[in-house]
Amino acid sequence: MLVANASDRQLEFVHWLFERYALGGLARPEVAAFWFPPSIDCDLAEGIAERDDVRFDGRHSVTLCFEDDEVSGGRPDRRWSPHVAHQGLHELAHVWMYDNVDVVQRQAFLARAGLDVWRDADVFWPERGVEAAAETIAWGLAGARYADYVIEPVPACEELSDRYRMLTGRRPLTSCDGNDGA
């Protein structure tokens, strides 16, 4: 995998992201390239997952639009910025879902989350099932120290756990009692 424009700290962060997938027992997201700024994709969002990146023969890529100094947590008890950790796990969740979530799982997730559309650019971001699912996977892999879910209203922890299990077939690393040791 190519990791472009990364400092040593950003490279360490990429390793941490993939370690979370391994700890969660999920298949490694198949990423051909992982980009940091400067990137043309950073004009669009804080992060983006490309399903069929033409630069890499149609394979998946991820761009995170955070500079080196934004990656660190800023506190002794936080290795990474919670926001950056969440965004990295979220973008990798998109890639993971490209290869591991089928139509039946998508429909079941939509019904469970009370949503109507999996992916549609004409639908407001928080109302897309694919975004709620990426948020759910990011939450489940983060562990208590970094767990976040940015779509309001935030579902109860038990509901997020059930959605995570529905998507992955596994228990989340983030526990509802906060004792996940992450």
N, C-alpha and C. Protein backbone atom coordinates (compact mmCIF):
# COMPACT_ATOMS: atom_id res chain seq x y z
N MET A 1 0.85 -1.18 0.00
CA MET A 1 0.00 0.00 0.00
C MET A 1 0.89 1.24 0.00
N LEU A 2 0.58 2.16 -0.85
CA LEU A 2 1.26 3.45 -0.89
C LEU A 2 0.68 4.35 0.19
N VAL A 3 1.54 4.98 0.98
CA VAL A 3 1.10 6.00 1.92
C VAL A 3 1.79 7.28 1.48
N ALA A 4 1.01 8.21 0.93
CA ALA A 4 1.56 9.41 0.30
C ALA A 4 1.53 10.61 1.23
N ASN A 5 2.62 11.37 1.21
CA ASN A 5 2.75 12.64 1.92
C ASN A 5 2.69 12.49 3.44
N ALA A 6 3.02 11.34 3.97
CA ALA A 6 2.88 11.09 5.41
C ALA A 6 4.18 11.36 6.15
N SER A 7 4.04 12.01 7.29
CA SER A 7 5.15 12.13 8.24
C SER A 7 5.26 10.80 8.98
N ASP A 8 6.27 10.66 9.80
CA ASP A 8 6.39 9.45 10.62
C ASP A 8 5.17 9.29 11.53
N ARG A 9 4.69 10.40 12.08
CA ARG A 9 3.53 10.35 12.98
C ARG A 9 2.28 9.92 12.22
N GLN A 10 2.08 10.47 11.02
CA GLN A 10 0.93 10.08 10.21
C GLN A 10 1.01 8.62 9.80
N LEU A 11 2.21 8.16 9.49
CA LEU A 11 2.40 6.75 9.14
C LEU A 11 2.07 5.85 10.33
N GLU A 12 2.49 6.25 11.52
CA GLU A 12 2.16 5.51 12.74
C GLU A 12 0.64 5.47 12.94
N PHE A 13 -0.01 6.59 12.65
CA PHE A 13 -1.47 6.66 12.76
C PHE A 13 -2.15 5.69 11.79
N VAL A 14 -1.68 5.61 10.57
CA VAL A 14 -2.25 4.67 9.59
C VAL A 14 -2.13 3.24 10.11
N HIS A 15 -0.97 2.90 10.67
CA HIS A 15 -0.80 1.57 11.26
C HIS A 15 -1.81 1.33 12.38
N TRP A 16 -2.03 2.33 13.23
CA TRP A 16 -3.00 2.21 14.31
C TRP A 16 -4.40 1.94 13.76
N LEU A 17 -4.79 2.66 12.70
CA LEU A 17 -6.11 2.46 12.09
C LEU A 17 -6.30 1.01 11.66
N PHE A 18 -5.33 0.46 10.96
CA PHE A 18 -5.44 -0.92 10.50
C PHE A 18 -5.39 -1.91 11.67
N GLU A 19 -4.64 -1.56 12.71
CA GLU A 19 -4.61 -2.42 13.91
C GLU A 19 -5.99 -2.52 14.55
N ARG A 20 -6.77 -1.45 14.52
CA ARG A 20 -8.11 -1.49 15.10
C ARG A 20 -8.98 -2.50 14.35
N TYR A 21 -8.84 -2.57 13.03
CA TYR A 21 -9.60 -3.56 12.26
C TYR A 21 -9.16 -4.97 12.64
N ALA A 22 -7.86 -5.17 12.79
CA ALA A 22 -7.36 -6.49 13.19
C ALA A 22 -7.85 -6.85 14.59
N LEU A 23 -7.78 -5.91 15.53
CA LEU A 23 -8.26 -6.18 16.90
C LEU A 23 -9.74 -6.51 16.92
N GLY A 24 -10.49 -5.89 16.02
CA GLY A 24 -11.92 -6.15 15.94
C GLY A 24 -12.26 -7.43 15.19
N GLY A 25 -11.24 -8.12 14.68
CA GLY A 25 -11.48 -9.37 13.96
C GLY A 25 -12.05 -9.17 12.57
N LEU A 26 -11.92 -7.96 12.02
CA LEU A 26 -12.43 -7.68 10.69
C LEU A 26 -11.33 -7.82 9.65
N ALA A 27 -11.72 -8.18 8.45
CA ALA A 27 -10.76 -8.27 7.35
C ALA A 27 -10.11 -6.91 7.15
N ARG A 28 -8.86 -6.93 6.77
CA ARG A 28 -8.13 -5.69 6.52
C ARG A 28 -8.77 -4.97 5.35
N PRO A 29 -9.12 -3.68 5.50
CA PRO A 29 -9.65 -2.93 4.36
C PRO A 29 -8.62 -2.92 3.23
N GLU A 30 -9.05 -3.28 2.04
CA GLU A 30 -8.16 -3.39 0.88
C GLU A 30 -7.92 -2.02 0.25
N VAL A 31 -6.89 -1.36 0.71
CA VAL A 31 -6.58 0.00 0.27
C VAL A 31 -5.29 -0.03 -0.54
N ALA A 32 -5.34 0.52 -1.75
CA ALA A 32 -4.15 0.61 -2.59
C ALA A 32 -3.28 1.80 -2.17
N ALA A 33 -3.94 2.88 -1.71
CA ALA A 33 -3.19 4.09 -1.35
C ALA A 33 -3.91 4.84 -0.25
N PHE A 34 -3.12 5.45 0.61
CA PHE A 34 -3.61 6.26 1.72
C PHE A 34 -2.91 7.60 1.59
N TRP A 35 -3.66 8.68 1.39
CA TRP A 35 -3.11 10.01 1.13
C TRP A 35 -3.30 10.95 2.31
N PHE A 36 -2.33 11.82 2.48
CA PHE A 36 -2.42 12.97 3.37
C PHE A 36 -2.17 14.22 2.53
N PRO A 37 -2.47 15.43 3.05
CA PRO A 37 -2.26 16.65 2.27
C PRO A 37 -0.79 16.82 1.88
N PRO A 38 -0.55 17.44 0.76
CA PRO A 38 -1.53 18.04 -0.15
C PRO A 38 -2.17 16.98 -1.04
N SER A 39 -3.46 17.15 -1.25
CA SER A 39 -4.22 16.27 -2.14
C SER A 39 -5.39 17.06 -2.68
N ILE A 40 -5.69 16.87 -3.94
CA ILE A 40 -6.83 17.56 -4.54
C ILE A 40 -8.13 17.18 -3.84
N ASP A 41 -8.19 15.96 -3.29
CA ASP A 41 -9.39 15.51 -2.58
C ASP A 41 -9.67 16.34 -1.34
N CYS A 42 -8.67 17.02 -0.81
CA CYS A 42 -8.85 17.80 0.42
C CYS A 42 -9.63 19.09 0.17
N ASP A 43 -9.90 19.41 -1.08
CA ASP A 43 -10.76 20.56 -1.36
C ASP A 43 -12.22 20.23 -1.10
N LEU A 44 -12.53 18.94 -0.97
CA LEU A 44 -13.92 18.50 -0.88
C LEU A 44 -14.38 18.20 0.54
N ALA A 45 -13.51 17.63 1.36
CA ALA A 45 -13.93 17.14 2.67
C ALA A 45 -12.71 16.89 3.56
N GLU A 46 -12.98 16.49 4.81
CA GLU A 46 -11.88 16.12 5.72
C GLU A 46 -11.30 14.75 5.39
N GLY A 47 -12.08 13.96 4.70
CA GLY A 47 -11.63 12.64 4.30
C GLY A 47 -12.52 12.10 3.20
N ILE A 48 -11.97 11.18 2.44
CA ILE A 48 -12.74 10.59 1.36
C ILE A 48 -12.22 9.19 1.08
N ALA A 49 -13.14 8.30 0.81
CA ALA A 49 -12.79 6.93 0.40
C ALA A 49 -13.22 6.78 -1.05
N GLU A 50 -12.29 6.42 -1.90
CA GLU A 50 -12.57 6.21 -3.32
C GLU A 50 -12.71 4.72 -3.57
N ARG A 51 -13.85 4.32 -4.08
CA ARG A 51 -14.08 2.90 -4.35
C ARG A 51 -13.24 2.42 -5.54
N ASP A 52 -13.29 3.15 -6.61
CA ASP A 52 -12.62 2.75 -7.86
C ASP A 52 -11.69 3.86 -8.32
N ASP A 53 -10.60 4.04 -7.61
CA ASP A 53 -9.66 5.12 -7.89
C ASP A 53 -8.89 4.81 -9.17
N VAL A 54 -9.09 5.63 -10.20
CA VAL A 54 -8.44 5.39 -11.50
C VAL A 54 -6.92 5.50 -11.40
N ARG A 55 -6.43 6.23 -10.41
CA ARG A 55 -4.98 6.35 -10.23
C ARG A 55 -4.36 5.02 -9.82
N PHE A 56 -5.18 4.09 -9.34
CA PHE A 56 -4.68 2.80 -8.85
C PHE A 56 -5.45 1.64 -9.48
N ASP A 57 -5.65 1.75 -10.80
CA ASP A 57 -6.29 0.69 -11.58
C ASP A 57 -7.64 0.28 -10.99
N GLY A 58 -8.39 1.24 -10.50
CA GLY A 58 -9.73 0.96 -9.99
C GLY A 58 -9.79 0.39 -8.60
N ARG A 59 -8.66 0.33 -7.92
CA ARG A 59 -8.66 -0.17 -6.54
C ARG A 59 -9.03 0.97 -5.59
N HIS A 60 -9.26 0.64 -4.31
CA HIS A 60 -9.71 1.61 -3.31
C HIS A 60 -8.55 2.49 -2.82
N SER A 61 -8.90 3.73 -2.48
CA SER A 61 -7.94 4.62 -1.83
C SER A 61 -8.66 5.43 -0.76
N VAL A 62 -7.87 5.96 0.17
CA VAL A 62 -8.39 6.80 1.25
C VAL A 62 -7.54 8.06 1.32
N THR A 63 -8.18 9.19 1.51
CA THR A 63 -7.48 10.45 1.76
C THR A 63 -7.98 11.00 3.08
N LEU A 64 -7.04 11.35 3.95
CA LEU A 64 -7.36 12.06 5.19
C LEU A 64 -6.72 13.43 5.11
N CYS A 65 -7.50 14.45 5.29
CA CYS A 65 -7.05 15.83 5.08
C CYS A 65 -6.63 16.50 6.38
N PHE A 66 -5.70 15.88 7.07
CA PHE A 66 -5.19 16.41 8.33
C PHE A 66 -3.68 16.49 8.26
N GLU A 67 -3.15 17.62 8.64
CA GLU A 67 -1.71 17.82 8.67
C GLU A 67 -1.12 17.07 9.86
N ASP A 68 0.18 16.93 9.86
CA ASP A 68 0.90 16.19 10.89
C ASP A 68 0.53 16.66 12.30
N ASP A 69 0.49 17.98 12.52
CA ASP A 69 0.22 18.50 13.87
C ASP A 69 -1.23 18.30 14.32
N GLU A 70 -2.12 17.94 13.41
CA GLU A 70 -3.52 17.70 13.77
C GLU A 70 -3.77 16.26 14.21
N VAL A 71 -2.84 15.36 13.94
CA VAL A 71 -3.03 13.94 14.21
C VAL A 71 -2.88 13.62 15.70
N SER A 72 -1.99 14.30 16.37
CA SER A 72 -1.71 14.01 17.78
C SER A 72 -2.87 14.42 18.68
N GLY A 73 -3.02 13.68 19.78
CA GLY A 73 -4.14 13.89 20.70
C GLY A 73 -4.03 15.11 21.58
N GLY A 74 -2.83 15.63 21.78
CA GLY A 74 -2.67 16.83 22.58
C GLY A 74 -2.73 16.64 24.08
N ARG A 75 -2.93 15.41 24.53
CA ARG A 75 -2.98 15.10 25.96
C ARG A 75 -2.23 13.80 26.18
N PRO A 76 -1.65 13.64 27.37
CA PRO A 76 -0.89 12.41 27.63
C PRO A 76 -1.73 11.13 27.53
N ASP A 77 -3.03 11.22 27.82
CA ASP A 77 -3.87 10.02 27.78
C ASP A 77 -4.46 9.75 26.40
N ARG A 78 -4.16 10.61 25.43
CA ARG A 78 -4.69 10.43 24.08
C ARG A 78 -3.55 10.51 23.06
N ARG A 79 -3.26 9.38 22.48
CA ARG A 79 -2.21 9.30 21.46
C ARG A 79 -2.60 10.06 20.19
N TRP A 80 -3.91 10.01 19.85
CA TRP A 80 -4.40 10.62 18.62
C TRP A 80 -5.50 11.62 18.92
N SER A 81 -5.68 12.56 18.04
CA SER A 81 -6.83 13.45 18.12
C SER A 81 -8.09 12.59 17.95
N PRO A 82 -9.05 12.69 18.88
CA PRO A 82 -10.27 11.88 18.73
C PRO A 82 -10.99 12.12 17.40
N HIS A 83 -11.00 13.37 16.96
CA HIS A 83 -11.68 13.69 15.70
C HIS A 83 -10.98 13.02 14.51
N VAL A 84 -9.67 13.09 14.50
CA VAL A 84 -8.90 12.49 13.40
C VAL A 84 -9.00 10.97 13.46
N ALA A 85 -8.93 10.40 14.65
CA ALA A 85 -9.09 8.94 14.80
C ALA A 85 -10.45 8.50 14.26
N HIS A 86 -11.49 9.22 14.64
CA HIS A 86 -12.84 8.91 14.16
C HIS A 86 -12.91 8.99 12.64
N GLN A 87 -12.37 10.06 12.07
CA GLN A 87 -12.45 10.25 10.62
C GLN A 87 -11.69 9.15 9.87
N GLY A 88 -10.53 8.77 10.39
CA GLY A 88 -9.77 7.70 9.75
C GLY A 88 -10.52 6.38 9.79
N LEU A 89 -11.08 6.02 10.94
CA LEU A 89 -11.86 4.79 11.05
C LEU A 89 -13.10 4.84 10.17
N HIS A 90 -13.72 6.00 10.06
CA HIS A 90 -14.91 6.19 9.24
C HIS A 90 -14.59 5.95 7.76
N GLU A 91 -13.52 6.57 7.27
CA GLU A 91 -13.18 6.40 5.85
C GLU A 91 -12.79 4.96 5.54
N LEU A 92 -12.03 4.33 6.43
CA LEU A 92 -11.70 2.92 6.23
C LEU A 92 -12.95 2.04 6.30
N ALA A 93 -13.94 2.45 7.08
CA ALA A 93 -15.19 1.68 7.14
C ALA A 93 -15.87 1.66 5.77
N HIS A 94 -15.81 2.78 5.05
CA HIS A 94 -16.37 2.78 3.69
C HIS A 94 -15.67 1.72 2.84
N VAL A 95 -14.35 1.71 2.89
CA VAL A 95 -13.60 0.73 2.10
C VAL A 95 -13.94 -0.69 2.54
N TRP A 96 -13.99 -0.92 3.84
CA TRP A 96 -14.32 -2.24 4.34
C TRP A 96 -15.70 -2.68 3.85
N MET A 97 -16.66 -1.76 3.87
CA MET A 97 -18.02 -2.09 3.44
C MET A 97 -18.09 -2.39 1.95
N TYR A 98 -17.26 -1.71 1.12
CA TYR A 98 -17.27 -2.01 -0.31
C TYR A 98 -17.10 -3.51 -0.54
N ASP A 99 -16.27 -4.14 0.25
CA ASP A 99 -15.90 -5.54 0.02
C ASP A 99 -16.59 -6.53 0.95
N ASN A 100 -17.29 -6.05 1.98
CA ASN A 100 -17.79 -6.98 3.01
C ASN A 100 -19.26 -6.84 3.38
N VAL A 101 -19.97 -5.86 2.86
CA VAL A 101 -21.38 -5.68 3.20
C VAL A 101 -22.20 -5.84 1.92
N ASP A 102 -23.11 -6.81 1.94
CA ASP A 102 -23.90 -7.09 0.74
C ASP A 102 -25.26 -6.39 0.79
N VAL A 103 -26.04 -6.57 -0.25
CA VAL A 103 -27.34 -5.91 -0.38
C VAL A 103 -28.28 -6.29 0.76
N VAL A 104 -28.29 -7.54 1.15
CA VAL A 104 -29.16 -7.97 2.25
C VAL A 104 -28.78 -7.26 3.55
N GLN A 105 -27.49 -7.17 3.84
CA GLN A 105 -27.05 -6.47 5.06
C GLN A 105 -27.40 -4.99 4.98
N ARG A 106 -27.22 -4.39 3.81
CA ARG A 106 -27.55 -2.97 3.65
C ARG A 106 -29.03 -2.72 3.93
N GLN A 107 -29.90 -3.57 3.36
CA GLN A 107 -31.34 -3.41 3.56
C GLN A 107 -31.72 -3.60 5.03
N ALA A 108 -31.12 -4.59 5.67
CA ALA A 108 -31.40 -4.82 7.10
C ALA A 108 -30.93 -3.63 7.93
N PHE A 109 -29.78 -3.08 7.60
CA PHE A 109 -29.27 -1.93 8.35
C PHE A 109 -30.19 -0.72 8.16
N LEU A 110 -30.61 -0.47 6.92
CA LEU A 110 -31.52 0.65 6.66
C LEU A 110 -32.79 0.52 7.50
N ALA A 111 -33.36 -0.67 7.52
CA ALA A 111 -34.59 -0.89 8.31
C ALA A 111 -34.32 -0.66 9.79
N ARG A 112 -33.22 -1.19 10.29
CA ARG A 112 -32.87 -1.05 11.72
C ARG A 112 -32.66 0.40 12.10
N ALA A 113 -31.97 1.16 11.21
CA ALA A 113 -31.64 2.56 11.49
C ALA A 113 -32.77 3.52 11.14
N GLY A 114 -33.85 3.01 10.53
CA GLY A 114 -34.97 3.87 10.16
C GLY A 114 -34.65 4.80 9.01
N LEU A 115 -33.83 4.34 8.08
CA LEU A 115 -33.43 5.14 6.92
C LEU A 115 -33.99 4.52 5.65
N ASP A 116 -34.06 5.33 4.59
CA ASP A 116 -34.65 4.87 3.33
C ASP A 116 -33.64 4.63 2.22
N VAL A 117 -32.49 5.29 2.29
CA VAL A 117 -31.55 5.29 1.18
C VAL A 117 -30.16 4.88 1.65
N TRP A 118 -29.52 3.96 0.92
CA TRP A 118 -28.16 3.57 1.25
C TRP A 118 -27.18 4.64 0.79
N ARG A 119 -27.19 4.97 -0.50
CA ARG A 119 -26.25 5.96 -1.05
C ARG A 119 -26.97 6.75 -2.14
N ASP A 120 -26.97 8.07 -2.00
CA ASP A 120 -27.57 8.94 -3.00
C ASP A 120 -27.08 10.36 -2.72
N ALA A 121 -26.38 10.93 -3.68
CA ALA A 121 -25.82 12.28 -3.52
C ALA A 121 -26.90 13.33 -3.29
N ASP A 122 -28.13 13.04 -3.68
CA ASP A 122 -29.22 13.99 -3.50
C ASP A 122 -29.85 13.94 -2.12
N VAL A 123 -29.40 12.99 -1.30
CA VAL A 123 -29.92 12.83 0.05
C VAL A 123 -28.92 13.44 1.04
N PHE A 124 -29.42 14.19 1.99
CA PHE A 124 -28.59 14.84 3.01
C PHE A 124 -27.69 13.80 3.68
N TRP A 125 -26.41 14.13 3.86
CA TRP A 125 -25.38 13.21 4.35
C TRP A 125 -25.83 12.36 5.53
N PRO A 126 -26.37 12.92 6.62
CA PRO A 126 -26.72 12.08 7.76
C PRO A 126 -27.93 11.16 7.52
N GLU A 127 -28.62 11.33 6.42
CA GLU A 127 -29.77 10.49 6.11
C GLU A 127 -29.42 9.34 5.16
N ARG A 128 -28.14 9.21 4.82
CA ARG A 128 -27.68 8.11 3.96
C ARG A 128 -27.26 6.94 4.84
N GLY A 129 -27.77 5.77 4.52
CA GLY A 129 -27.42 4.58 5.29
C GLY A 129 -25.93 4.30 5.30
N VAL A 130 -25.27 4.53 4.18
CA VAL A 130 -23.84 4.26 4.09
C VAL A 130 -23.05 5.10 5.09
N GLU A 131 -23.51 6.30 5.35
CA GLU A 131 -22.80 7.17 6.31
C GLU A 131 -23.11 6.74 7.75
N ALA A 132 -24.36 6.39 8.02
CA ALA A 132 -24.70 5.88 9.35
C ALA A 132 -23.95 4.58 9.63
N ALA A 133 -23.80 3.75 8.61
CA ALA A 133 -23.06 2.49 8.78
C ALA A 133 -21.58 2.75 9.02
N ALA A 134 -20.98 3.69 8.27
CA ALA A 134 -19.56 4.02 8.49
C ALA A 134 -19.36 4.61 9.88
N GLU A 135 -20.30 5.42 10.33
CA GLU A 135 -20.22 5.96 11.69
C GLU A 135 -20.30 4.84 12.72
N THR A 136 -21.16 3.87 12.47
CA THR A 136 -21.34 2.75 13.39
C THR A 136 -20.07 1.91 13.48
N ILE A 137 -19.47 1.61 12.35
CA ILE A 137 -18.24 0.81 12.35
C ILE A 137 -17.11 1.58 13.01
N ALA A 138 -16.98 2.87 12.69
CA ALA A 138 -15.94 3.69 13.33
C ALA A 138 -16.12 3.71 14.84
N TRP A 139 -17.35 3.90 15.29
CA TRP A 139 -17.65 3.89 16.74
C TRP A 139 -17.25 2.54 17.35
N GLY A 140 -17.64 1.46 16.71
CA GLY A 140 -17.39 0.13 17.26
C GLY A 140 -15.93 -0.25 17.35
N LEU A 141 -15.11 0.28 16.45
CA LEU A 141 -13.69 -0.05 16.44
C LEU A 141 -12.85 0.90 17.29
N ALA A 142 -13.39 2.05 17.62
CA ALA A 142 -12.59 3.10 18.25
C ALA A 142 -12.14 2.78 19.67
N GLY A 143 -12.99 2.12 20.45
CA GLY A 143 -12.71 1.97 21.87
C GLY A 143 -13.16 3.22 22.60
N ALA A 144 -13.34 3.11 23.89
CA ALA A 144 -13.93 4.20 24.69
C ALA A 144 -13.17 5.52 24.56
N ARG A 145 -11.87 5.47 24.45
CA ARG A 145 -11.07 6.69 24.41
C ARG A 145 -11.36 7.53 23.16
N TYR A 146 -11.71 6.88 22.06
CA TYR A 146 -11.88 7.60 20.79
C TYR A 146 -13.28 7.47 20.20
N ALA A 147 -14.17 6.75 20.84
CA ALA A 147 -15.50 6.50 20.28
C ALA A 147 -16.27 7.80 20.09
N ASP A 148 -16.87 7.91 18.91
CA ASP A 148 -17.68 9.07 18.58
C ASP A 148 -18.71 8.62 17.54
N TYR A 149 -19.79 9.36 17.46
CA TYR A 149 -20.82 9.12 16.47
C TYR A 149 -21.40 10.50 16.19
N VAL A 150 -21.20 11.03 14.98
CA VAL A 150 -21.49 12.44 14.75
C VAL A 150 -22.86 12.73 14.16
N ILE A 151 -23.66 11.71 13.89
CA ILE A 151 -25.00 11.95 13.35
C ILE A 151 -25.99 12.06 14.51
N GLU A 152 -26.71 13.17 14.53
CA GLU A 152 -27.70 13.41 15.58
C GLU A 152 -29.07 12.91 15.14
N PRO A 153 -29.89 12.42 16.02
CA PRO A 153 -29.57 12.10 17.41
C PRO A 153 -28.72 10.83 17.47
N VAL A 154 -27.82 10.82 18.43
CA VAL A 154 -26.92 9.68 18.59
C VAL A 154 -27.72 8.51 19.18
N PRO A 155 -27.67 7.35 18.53
CA PRO A 155 -28.39 6.19 19.08
C PRO A 155 -27.79 5.79 20.43
N ALA A 156 -28.59 5.10 21.23
CA ALA A 156 -28.11 4.56 22.50
C ALA A 156 -26.98 3.57 22.22
N CYS A 157 -26.10 3.42 23.18
CA CYS A 157 -24.95 2.54 23.04
C CYS A 157 -25.36 1.12 22.66
N GLU A 158 -26.38 0.61 23.28
CA GLU A 158 -26.83 -0.75 22.98
C GLU A 158 -27.32 -0.87 21.54
N GLU A 159 -27.97 0.18 21.03
CA GLU A 159 -28.42 0.19 19.64
C GLU A 159 -27.22 0.22 18.69
N LEU A 160 -26.22 1.04 19.01
CA LEU A 160 -25.01 1.06 18.18
C LEU A 160 -24.33 -0.30 18.17
N SER A 161 -24.29 -0.94 19.34
CA SER A 161 -23.70 -2.28 19.42
C SER A 161 -24.45 -3.27 18.53
N ASP A 162 -25.78 -3.22 18.56
CA ASP A 162 -26.58 -4.12 17.73
C ASP A 162 -26.36 -3.84 16.24
N ARG A 163 -26.30 -2.56 15.88
CA ARG A 163 -26.06 -2.21 14.47
C ARG A 163 -24.67 -2.68 14.03
N TYR A 164 -23.68 -2.51 14.91
CA TYR A 164 -22.32 -2.95 14.59
C TYR A 164 -22.30 -4.46 14.34
N ARG A 165 -22.93 -5.21 15.23
CA ARG A 165 -22.99 -6.67 15.06
C ARG A 165 -23.71 -7.05 13.77
N MET A 166 -24.75 -6.31 13.43
CA MET A 166 -25.50 -6.57 12.20
C MET A 166 -24.59 -6.41 10.97
N LEU A 167 -23.76 -5.39 10.99
CA LEU A 167 -22.88 -5.11 9.85
C LEU A 167 -21.67 -6.03 9.79
N THR A 168 -21.11 -6.37 10.94
CA THR A 168 -19.82 -7.06 10.97
C THR A 168 -19.88 -8.51 11.41
N GLY A 169 -20.94 -8.88 12.11
CA GLY A 169 -21.02 -10.22 12.68
C GLY A 169 -20.15 -10.38 13.92
N ARG A 170 -19.66 -9.29 14.47
CA ARG A 170 -18.76 -9.31 15.63
C ARG A 170 -19.25 -8.34 16.70
N ARG A 171 -18.71 -8.53 17.90
CA ARG A 171 -18.96 -7.57 18.98
C ARG A 171 -18.05 -6.36 18.78
N PRO A 172 -18.55 -5.17 19.09
CA PRO A 172 -17.71 -3.98 18.96
C PRO A 172 -16.58 -3.97 20.00
N LEU A 173 -15.49 -3.30 19.67
CA LEU A 173 -14.41 -3.08 20.65
C LEU A 173 -14.85 -2.06 21.69
N THR A 174 -15.71 -1.14 21.30
CA THR A 174 -16.25 -0.14 22.22
C THR A 174 -17.39 -0.79 23.01
N SER A 175 -17.22 -0.81 24.33
CA SER A 175 -18.26 -1.43 25.15
C SER A 175 -19.16 -0.35 25.74
N CYS A 176 -20.35 -0.74 26.07
CA CYS A 176 -21.30 0.22 26.63
C CYS A 176 -21.03 0.56 28.08
N ASP A 177 -20.21 -0.25 28.75
CA ASP A 177 -19.86 0.07 30.14
C ASP A 177 -18.54 0.83 30.25
N GLY A 178 -17.91 1.11 29.10
CA GLY A 178 -16.67 1.90 29.09
C GLY A 178 -15.44 1.13 29.54
N ASN A 179 -15.55 -0.18 29.73
CA ASN A 179 -14.42 -0.98 30.21
C ASN A 179 -13.77 -1.77 29.09
N ASP A 180 -13.55 -1.13 27.94
CA ASP A 180 -12.97 -1.87 26.83
C ASP A 180 -11.45 -1.76 26.81
N GLY A 181 -10.89 -0.98 27.68
CA GLY A 181 -9.44 -0.91 27.82
C GLY A 181 -8.74 -0.27 26.63
N ALA A 182 -9.47 0.33 25.74
CA ALA A 182 -8.84 0.92 24.54
C ALA A 182 -8.47 2.36 24.76
